[in-house]
Amino acid sequence: MNAALQIGSKSIDTPTLLQKLLQYRLLETFVKETIIEELIEDVTCDSTVAYERFCQKRQLQTDEQQQAWRKQSHLSAEQMQLEAEREMRLQLFKENTWGDRLQTFFLQRKEKFDRVVYSLIRTQNKELAYELYFRLCDDGDSFADVARQYSEGKESQTGGLVGPVEMSVPHPMLAKMLRISQEGQLWEPTKIGDWMTIVRCEKLIPAQLNEPMRQRLLQEQFQTLLNQRMQASPVKLMPPGRSPQGTKISEQQITSQTVNKKAIKKQVKKVTSAQKTLQSQAAQDQNTQNQNAQSQNAQNQIKPTEDTVDVLASTVKGLPSVDSLALESDVAETGAIRA
C-alpha cells in the first residue's frame, strides 16, 4: 500500500495514519479545522493586509524574523500567506455574523464581567472569626497581617488580597455581597459553605466593551457554533476506495449509470407520447365509423375505418409498455452499481 506520510525513515500508509490520528486524539482537531474551512469558504479578504496583520500580531517585523518563524513552524512562504489569509477570513466571518449584536451580548452578562479586588479571611472557627472581625473594626489591626496569621485558605499567602477577578469567579453568595458593596466596606463574619468568612471590598472595576472584550465575545459565539457543527458532523472511517455504503463505484460506472438512466427515461417519454397519439387517432376513427353507419354508404366507409383501427391497434401493441421500460431502468441501474 502506498505511503501517505513519511517521518524520517518511517512510512505510514493511509489506514495506519487514520488510526494514529484517532489514537493520539488528533482527528478531532482535523475535523474542527475542516468545519472552519467550510464556514469561511465564501469569505474573501485583502491578501496584503492579511499578511501585514499576521506579522504584526506576531511581531515579525523583518524578513529574517519572518523566515525564522516559517522555519520554526515548518511552513513555506506560500503556506504562511495562506495561513495569514485564513486567519483574517475567520475574523471577518465572526464580525459579519455577530458584530452587530455584541452590545446585546455584553449587556446580558455585564454583571459577570465586572471585576473586583477584595480582601478575605476564612476560618472554620466561628468564635475566632468574630474575634478577628472586632480586632479589624475596633483595634485597627492590619487586614493583611491578620489574614497571613489566621486565614485558613490560600489567600493567607497574599495577606488576604484577591483579584482583580470577574464576579463570576467568587462563590455566588460572596459575589452578591461584593456587588452591592462600597469600596472599603468590611462585612461581618458570614457563613459561606463550610467557612466563616470576613471580606472587605477594595475596588470595583466595571466591565467595558473594549476591543479585548469584543474579541472575547466573538470567540465565545464562534465556539458555540463550532461545537454545534461538530456534534452534527459524526466522523466515520471508511475503507480505501469504498463509498459510505461500502460499495466500490468508479467514476466511469457512475457516469454510465446516469447516462443509461436518462436515455431510458427519454425513451419512456417518447413511447408514452406515441401511445397517446395513436389511441386518440383510433378513437377519432371509431367516431367516424359510428357516424357513417347511419348513412346509406355505411358499408363502403366502415371497411377502411376498420382497417385503420386494426393497423393502429397493431402499432400500439408492438410498442414497449411504460412499465417494462421503467423495469429496464431499474435493472440497468442495479447492474451498474453491482459492477
Protein backbone atom coordinates (compact mmCIF):
# COMPACT_ATOMS: atom_id res chain seq x y z
CA MET A 1 0.00 0.00 0.00
CA ASN A 2 1.27 3.48 -0.89
CA ALA A 3 2.60 5.65 1.92
CA ALA A 4 0.51 8.68 2.87
CA LEU A 5 3.13 10.22 5.18
CA GLN A 6 6.83 9.78 5.82
CA ILE A 7 8.51 10.80 9.07
CA GLY A 8 12.26 10.32 8.83
CA SER A 9 12.73 6.81 7.51
CA LYS A 10 9.30 5.63 8.64
CA SER A 11 6.49 5.47 6.07
CA ILE A 12 2.85 5.47 7.18
CA ASP A 13 0.00 4.32 4.94
CA THR A 14 -3.45 5.88 4.97
CA PRO A 15 -5.26 3.35 7.24
CA THR A 16 -2.44 3.49 9.78
CA LEU A 17 -2.39 7.29 9.65
CA LEU A 18 -6.10 7.47 10.39
CA GLN A 19 -5.79 5.05 13.28
CA LYS A 20 -2.92 7.07 14.74
CA LEU A 21 -4.93 10.28 14.47
CA LEU A 22 -7.64 8.59 16.48
CA GLN A 23 -5.21 7.10 18.97
CA TYR A 24 -3.46 10.42 19.63
CA ARG A 25 -6.77 12.33 19.67
CA LEU A 26 -5.77 14.49 16.73
CA LEU A 27 -8.69 13.57 14.47
CA GLU A 28 -10.95 15.95 16.39
CA THR A 29 -8.60 18.82 15.57
CA PHE A 30 -8.66 17.84 11.90
CA VAL A 31 -12.45 17.70 11.89
CA LYS A 32 -12.65 21.09 13.62
CA GLU A 33 -10.33 22.74 11.09
CA THR A 34 -12.28 21.17 8.23
CA ILE A 35 -15.54 22.60 9.54
CA ILE A 36 -13.91 26.01 9.94
CA GLU A 37 -12.86 25.86 6.29
CA GLU A 38 -16.47 25.19 5.33
CA LEU A 39 -17.74 28.10 7.44
CA ILE A 40 -15.36 30.66 5.92
CA GLU A 41 -15.46 29.24 2.39
CA ASP A 42 -17.26 32.26 0.92
CA VAL A 43 -15.33 34.92 2.89
CA THR A 44 -12.68 36.90 1.00
CA CYS A 45 -10.02 39.32 2.21
CA ASP A 46 -7.15 41.50 1.01
CA SER A 47 -4.08 39.23 0.92
CA THR A 48 -1.62 42.07 1.55
CA VAL A 49 -3.49 43.40 4.56
CA ALA A 50 -3.90 39.86 5.89
CA TYR A 51 -0.15 39.20 5.74
CA GLU A 52 0.71 42.54 7.37
CA ARG A 53 -1.68 41.94 10.27
CA PHE A 54 -0.45 38.37 10.65
CA CYS A 55 3.16 39.55 11.00
CA GLN A 56 2.26 42.48 13.22
CA LYS A 57 0.37 40.24 15.63
CA ARG A 58 3.44 38.02 16.00
CA GLN A 59 5.94 40.90 15.96
CA LEU A 60 7.59 39.65 12.77
CA GLN A 61 8.92 42.97 11.54
CA THR A 62 11.85 41.91 9.37
CA ASP A 63 12.31 39.34 6.62
CA GLU A 64 14.77 37.47 8.85
CA GLN A 65 12.18 37.20 11.63
CA GLN A 66 9.53 36.01 9.19
CA GLN A 67 11.88 33.41 7.74
CA ALA A 68 12.82 32.17 11.20
CA TRP A 69 9.12 31.88 12.09
CA ARG A 70 8.42 29.86 8.94
CA LYS A 71 11.30 27.53 9.71
CA GLN A 72 10.13 27.00 13.26
CA SER A 73 6.55 26.38 12.08
CA HIS A 74 7.66 24.15 9.17
CA LEU A 75 5.82 26.35 6.65
CA SER A 76 6.78 27.67 3.24
CA ALA A 77 6.28 31.31 2.29
CA GLU A 78 3.16 30.35 0.34
CA GLN A 79 1.77 28.39 3.29
CA MET A 80 2.43 31.31 5.61
CA GLN A 81 0.49 33.57 3.24
CA LEU A 82 -2.43 31.12 3.20
CA GLU A 83 -2.36 30.93 7.00
CA ALA A 84 -2.48 34.74 7.22
CA GLU A 85 -5.45 34.92 4.85
CA ARG A 86 -7.27 32.16 6.69
CA GLU A 87 -6.83 33.97 9.99
CA MET A 88 -8.25 37.20 8.56
CA ARG A 89 -11.13 35.42 6.80
CA LEU A 90 -12.07 33.76 10.08
CA GLN A 91 -12.05 37.13 11.85
CA LEU A 92 -14.22 38.65 9.12
CA PHE A 93 -16.64 35.74 9.42
CA LYS A 94 -17.02 36.40 13.15
CA GLU A 95 -17.53 40.12 12.63
CA ASN A 96 -20.04 39.63 9.81
CA THR A 97 -22.00 37.06 11.81
CA TRP A 98 -22.15 38.56 15.31
CA GLY A 99 -20.52 42.00 15.18
CA ASP A 100 -23.78 43.96 15.23
CA ARG A 101 -25.08 42.02 18.27
CA LEU A 102 -22.10 42.33 20.61
CA GLN A 103 -23.64 45.20 22.57
CA THR A 104 -26.62 42.99 23.44
CA PHE A 105 -24.41 40.04 24.40
CA PHE A 106 -22.31 42.31 26.59
CA LEU A 107 -25.21 43.89 28.49
CA GLN A 108 -26.77 40.50 29.14
CA ARG A 109 -23.64 39.37 31.01
CA LYS A 110 -22.10 42.61 32.21
CA GLU A 111 -22.59 41.79 35.89
CA LYS A 112 -20.44 38.69 35.49
CA PHE A 113 -17.82 40.60 33.50
CA ASP A 114 -17.40 43.29 36.17
CA ARG A 115 -14.22 42.78 38.19
CA VAL A 116 -13.46 43.27 41.84
CA VAL A 117 -10.50 43.36 44.22
CA TYR A 118 -11.24 42.24 47.78
CA SER A 119 -9.59 41.06 50.97
CA LEU A 120 -10.64 37.78 52.53
CA ILE A 121 -10.18 35.83 55.75
CA ARG A 122 -11.58 32.30 56.09
CA THR A 123 -11.79 30.12 59.15
CA GLN A 124 -14.00 27.25 60.32
CA ASN A 125 -13.94 28.59 63.89
CA LYS A 126 -16.95 30.87 64.42
CA GLU A 127 -15.68 32.40 67.69
CA LEU A 128 -12.31 33.16 66.14
CA ALA A 129 -13.98 34.77 63.14
CA TYR A 130 -15.86 37.26 65.35
CA GLU A 131 -12.76 37.96 67.43
CA LEU A 132 -10.79 38.79 64.27
CA TYR A 133 -13.64 40.93 62.98
CA PHE A 134 -13.67 43.10 66.13
CA ARG A 135 -9.91 43.41 66.04
CA LEU A 136 -10.18 44.76 62.50
CA CYS A 137 -13.05 47.13 63.35
CA ASP A 138 -12.19 48.34 66.85
CA ASP A 139 -8.48 47.82 67.29
CA GLY A 140 -7.47 48.83 63.77
CA ASP A 141 -5.36 45.73 63.14
CA SER A 142 -3.97 45.33 59.65
CA PHE A 143 -6.17 43.12 57.47
CA ALA A 144 -3.10 41.75 55.68
CA ASP A 145 -1.36 40.81 58.97
CA VAL A 146 -4.48 39.14 60.40
CA ALA A 147 -5.06 37.23 57.16
CA ARG A 148 -1.49 35.95 57.00
CA GLN A 149 -1.68 34.72 60.59
CA TYR A 150 -5.21 33.34 60.87
CA SER A 151 -6.78 32.74 57.46
CA GLU A 152 -7.01 29.03 56.63
CA GLY A 153 -7.31 29.43 52.87
CA LYS A 154 -4.66 30.05 50.23
CA GLU A 155 -5.40 33.80 50.42
CA SER A 156 -3.23 33.83 53.57
CA GLN A 157 -0.20 33.79 51.24
CA THR A 158 -1.18 37.19 49.78
CA GLY A 159 -2.27 38.83 53.03
CA GLY A 160 -5.90 38.06 52.18
CA LEU A 161 -5.83 40.09 48.93
CA VAL A 162 -7.71 38.55 45.98
CA GLY A 163 -8.10 39.93 42.47
CA PRO A 164 -8.85 41.61 40.32
CA VAL A 165 -11.21 38.81 39.29
CA GLU A 166 -14.52 38.77 37.47
CA MET A 167 -17.67 38.50 39.54
CA SER A 168 -18.25 35.02 38.12
CA VAL A 169 -15.18 33.70 39.98
CA PRO A 170 -16.09 34.03 43.71
CA HIS A 171 -18.79 31.98 45.39
CA PRO A 172 -22.21 33.29 44.23
CA MET A 173 -23.09 34.47 47.74
CA LEU A 174 -19.77 36.25 48.11
CA ALA A 175 -20.13 37.81 44.65
CA LYS A 176 -23.55 39.15 45.63
CA MET A 177 -22.09 40.77 48.75
CA LEU A 178 -19.27 42.36 46.78
CA ARG A 179 -21.57 43.62 44.03
CA ILE A 180 -23.57 45.73 46.48
CA SER A 181 -20.53 46.85 48.48
CA GLN A 182 -18.92 50.23 48.72
CA GLU A 183 -15.17 50.37 48.34
CA GLY A 184 -13.60 49.85 51.78
CA GLN A 185 -16.73 48.26 53.25
CA LEU A 186 -16.00 45.47 55.78
CA TRP A 187 -18.55 42.70 56.17
CA GLU A 188 -19.07 40.93 59.47
CA PRO A 189 -18.43 37.15 59.60
CA THR A 190 -20.74 35.33 57.18
CA LYS A 191 -21.08 31.58 56.73
CA ILE A 192 -20.43 30.61 53.12
CA GLY A 193 -20.22 26.90 52.55
CA ASP A 194 -18.01 25.36 55.26
CA TRP A 195 -16.27 28.65 56.04
CA MET A 196 -16.86 31.68 58.23
CA THR A 197 -15.67 34.49 56.01
CA ILE A 198 -14.66 38.08 56.66
CA VAL A 199 -14.50 40.13 53.46
CA ARG A 200 -13.67 43.71 52.63
CA CYS A 201 -14.31 45.26 49.20
CA GLU A 202 -11.19 47.02 47.99
CA LYS A 203 -12.09 48.10 44.44
CA LEU A 204 -14.86 47.63 41.89
CA ILE A 205 -13.88 47.67 38.21
CA PRO A 206 -16.87 47.93 35.82
CA ALA A 207 -16.54 45.98 32.58
CA GLN A 208 -16.29 47.86 29.28
CA LEU A 209 -17.00 46.77 25.74
CA ASN A 210 -13.45 47.44 24.57
CA GLU A 211 -11.56 45.56 21.87
CA PRO A 212 -10.40 42.67 24.09
CA MET A 213 -13.98 42.20 25.31
CA ARG A 214 -15.28 42.31 21.72
CA GLN A 215 -12.85 39.60 20.66
CA ARG A 216 -13.79 37.51 23.66
CA LEU A 217 -17.50 37.72 22.88
CA LEU A 218 -16.90 36.95 19.20
CA GLN A 219 -14.83 33.90 20.09
CA GLU A 220 -17.46 32.66 22.54
CA GLN A 221 -20.18 32.88 19.89
CA PHE A 222 -17.98 31.22 17.29
CA GLN A 223 -17.01 28.41 19.67
CA THR A 224 -20.67 27.72 20.39
CA LEU A 225 -21.42 27.46 16.66
CA LEU A 226 -18.37 25.29 16.06
CA ASN A 227 -19.35 22.88 18.84
CA GLN A 228 -22.83 22.56 17.36
CA ARG A 229 -21.44 21.83 13.90
CA MET A 230 -19.03 19.23 15.25
CA GLN A 231 -21.80 17.44 17.14
CA ALA A 232 -23.88 17.42 13.97
CA SER A 233 -20.99 16.02 11.88
CA PRO A 234 -20.23 12.46 13.00
CA VAL A 235 -16.96 11.02 11.70
CA LYS A 236 -16.81 7.55 10.16
CA LEU A 237 -13.61 5.96 8.90
CA MET A 238 -14.16 4.30 5.51
CA PRO A 239 -12.01 1.58 3.88
CA PRO A 240 -9.92 2.97 0.99
CA GLY A 241 -11.73 3.02 -2.37
CA ARG A 242 -15.19 2.44 -0.92
CA SER A 243 -18.27 4.56 -0.80
CA PRO A 244 -20.05 5.30 2.52
CA GLN A 245 -22.23 2.24 1.78
CA GLY A 246 -19.14 0.08 1.43
CA THR A 247 -19.60 -0.47 -2.35
CA LYS A 248 -16.81 0.15 -4.84
CA ILE A 249 -18.04 2.52 -7.54
CA SER A 250 -15.81 4.05 -10.16
CA GLU A 251 -16.43 7.46 -11.71
CA GLN A 252 -16.94 5.85 -15.11
CA GLN A 253 -19.60 3.50 -13.72
CA ILE A 254 -21.46 6.37 -12.07
CA THR A 255 -21.40 8.37 -15.33
CA SER A 256 -22.53 5.37 -17.38
CA GLN A 257 -25.31 4.64 -14.91
CA THR A 258 -26.56 8.23 -15.11
CA VAL A 259 -26.47 8.29 -18.93
CA ASN A 260 -28.32 4.95 -19.25
CA LYS A 261 -30.97 6.05 -16.80
CA LYS A 262 -31.55 9.32 -18.64
CA ALA A 263 -31.73 7.56 -22.05
CA ILE A 264 -34.30 5.07 -20.79
CA LYS A 265 -36.43 7.79 -19.21
CA LYS A 266 -36.31 9.72 -22.50
CA GLN A 267 -37.43 6.63 -24.43
CA VAL A 268 -40.27 6.04 -21.96
CA LYS A 269 -41.44 9.60 -22.53
CA LYS A 270 -41.42 9.17 -26.32
CA VAL A 271 -43.33 5.88 -26.21
CA THR A 272 -45.91 7.32 -23.85
CA SER A 273 -46.49 10.25 -26.21
CA ALA A 274 -46.78 7.92 -29.24
CA GLN A 275 -49.27 5.68 -27.46
CA LYS A 276 -51.46 8.64 -26.56
CA THR A 277 -51.39 9.93 -30.16
CA LEU A 278 -52.32 6.56 -31.68
CA GLN A 279 -55.06 5.95 -29.15
CA SER A 280 -56.50 9.38 -29.92
CA GLN A 281 -56.45 8.63 -33.66
CA ALA A 282 -58.20 5.29 -33.09
CA ALA A 283 -60.90 7.00 -31.04
CA GLN A 284 -61.48 9.59 -33.78
CA ASP A 285 -61.79 6.88 -36.48
CA GLN A 286 -64.23 5.00 -34.26
CA ASN A 287 -66.40 8.11 -34.02
CA THR A 288 -66.29 8.47 -37.80
CA GLN A 289 -67.36 4.83 -38.15
CA ASN A 290 -70.38 5.38 -35.92
CA GLN A 291 -71.48 8.50 -37.80
CA ASN A 292 -71.14 6.93 -41.27
CA ALA A 293 -73.02 3.79 -40.15
CA GLN A 294 -76.22 5.83 -40.25
CA SER A 295 -75.76 6.82 -43.90
CA GLN A 296 -76.67 4.75 -46.93
CA ASN A 297 -72.97 4.19 -47.85
CA ALA A 298 -72.05 2.86 -44.34
CA GLN A 299 -70.71 -0.46 -45.59
CA ASN A 300 -68.26 1.13 -48.01
CA GLN A 301 -66.95 3.58 -45.42
CA ILE A 302 -66.74 1.18 -42.48
CA LYS A 303 -64.22 -1.11 -44.11
CA PRO A 304 -61.30 1.31 -44.48
CA THR A 305 -62.08 2.61 -41.00
CA GLU A 306 -61.81 -0.87 -39.56
CA ASP A 307 -58.53 -1.38 -41.40
CA THR A 308 -57.17 1.84 -39.92
CA VAL A 309 -58.17 0.77 -36.42
CA ASP A 310 -56.53 -2.63 -36.89
CA VAL A 311 -53.29 -1.01 -38.08
CA LEU A 312 -53.24 1.45 -35.17
CA ALA A 313 -54.04 -1.29 -32.64
CA SER A 314 -51.26 -3.44 -34.08
CA THR A 315 -48.81 -0.49 -33.85
CA VAL A 316 -49.70 0.24 -30.23
CA LYS A 317 -49.45 -3.42 -29.33
CA GLY A 318 -45.95 -3.63 -30.79
CA LEU A 319 -44.58 -0.71 -28.71
CA PRO A 320 -42.93 -1.50 -25.37
CA SER A 321 -45.00 -0.53 -22.35
CA VAL A 322 -44.04 2.21 -19.87
CA ASP A 323 -43.88 -0.38 -17.06
CA SER A 324 -41.44 -2.54 -18.98
CA LEU A 325 -39.17 0.44 -19.70
CA ALA A 326 -39.26 1.52 -16.04
CA LEU A 327 -38.31 -2.04 -15.08
CA GLU A 328 -35.48 -1.91 -17.61
CA SER A 329 -34.28 1.35 -15.96
CA ASP A 330 -34.17 -0.29 -12.53
CA VAL A 331 -32.31 -3.29 -13.88
CA ALA A 332 -29.75 -1.11 -15.66
CA GLU A 333 -29.18 0.98 -12.53
CA THR A 334 -28.77 -2.10 -10.32
CA GLY A 335 -26.36 -3.65 -12.79
CA ALA A 336 -24.18 -0.56 -12.90
CA ILE A 337 -23.87 -0.48 -9.11
CA ARG A 338 -23.08 -4.18 -8.80
CA ALA A 339 -20.39 -3.84 -11.46
